[in-house]
Amino acid sequence: MNKLIINIISTIITTIGLVYIISYLNLLVIGYNILDYVYFIIREFECIMFFIGLLILIINNKEDT
């Protein structure tokens, strides 16, 4: 049951982060280049939530094997 709850929470965190990463793609339209975009993504906590949630999912599911 705990694994299920952790998977649900980390999926929500990953989804929130991915929504922000996709929404910040509009920066490319207003003149940012790819390196500026990646640097911006690395600095924003909302976008880092994607990587945190993904890491939790990987670690949580790796314990099964």
Protein backbone atom coordinates (compact mmCIF):
# COMPACT_ATOMS: atom_id res chain seq x y z
CA MET A 1 0.00 0.00 0.00
CA ASN A 2 2.86 2.40 0.77
CA LYS A 3 4.41 1.76 -2.64
CA LEU A 4 1.12 2.63 -4.30
CA ILE A 5 0.84 5.91 -2.42
CA ILE A 6 4.45 6.82 -3.19
CA ASN A 7 3.91 5.99 -6.88
CA ILE A 8 0.79 8.16 -7.03
CA ILE A 9 2.49 11.11 -5.31
CA SER A 10 5.62 10.89 -7.45
CA THR A 11 3.52 10.62 -10.61
CA ILE A 12 1.68 13.80 -9.61
CA ILE A 13 5.00 15.57 -8.92
CA THR A 14 6.39 14.41 -12.27
CA THR A 15 3.27 15.57 -14.11
CA ILE A 16 3.37 19.02 -12.52
CA GLY A 17 7.03 19.43 -13.45
CA LEU A 18 6.44 18.28 -17.01
CA VAL A 19 3.54 20.71 -17.46
CA TYR A 20 5.84 23.57 -16.47
CA ILE A 21 8.62 22.36 -18.78
CA ILE A 22 6.19 22.20 -21.70
CA SER A 23 4.64 25.57 -20.89
CA TYR A 24 8.09 27.19 -20.71
CA LEU A 25 8.70 26.08 -24.31
CA ASN A 26 7.11 29.41 -25.21
CA LEU A 27 10.42 31.00 -24.25
CA LEU A 28 11.86 29.63 -27.47
CA VAL A 29 9.27 31.62 -29.43
CA ILE A 30 10.25 34.94 -27.85
CA GLY A 31 13.93 34.61 -28.69
CA TYR A 32 15.59 32.25 -26.22
CA ASN A 33 17.90 29.64 -27.71
CA ILE A 34 18.11 26.02 -26.55
CA LEU A 35 20.98 26.62 -24.11
CA ASP A 36 19.15 29.52 -22.45
CA TYR A 37 16.04 27.37 -22.20
CA VAL A 38 17.91 24.46 -20.59
CA TYR A 39 19.65 26.84 -18.18
CA PHE A 40 16.25 28.33 -17.26
CA ILE A 41 14.73 24.87 -16.72
CA ILE A 42 17.61 23.84 -14.45
CA ARG A 43 17.09 26.90 -12.23
CA GLU A 44 13.30 26.70 -11.81
CA PHE A 45 12.05 24.57 -8.92
CA GLU A 46 8.79 23.78 -10.69
CA CYS A 47 10.77 22.14 -13.50
CA ILE A 48 13.13 20.36 -11.12
CA MET A 49 10.03 18.69 -9.66
CA PHE A 50 9.89 16.59 -12.86
CA PHE A 51 13.32 15.14 -12.19
CA ILE A 52 12.62 14.65 -8.48
CA GLY A 53 9.39 12.79 -9.21
CA LEU A 54 11.07 10.69 -11.88
CA LEU A 55 13.89 9.79 -9.51
CA ILE A 56 11.42 8.76 -6.80
CA LEU A 57 9.54 6.60 -9.31
CA ILE A 58 12.74 4.88 -10.43
CA ILE A 59 13.96 4.25 -6.90
CA ASN A 60 10.56 3.07 -5.68
CA ASN A 61 10.11 0.64 -8.55
CA LYS A 62 13.70 -0.59 -8.44
CA GLU A 63 13.18 -1.94 -4.91
CA ASP A 64 10.85 -4.60 -6.32
CA THR A 65 13.62 -6.39 -8.22
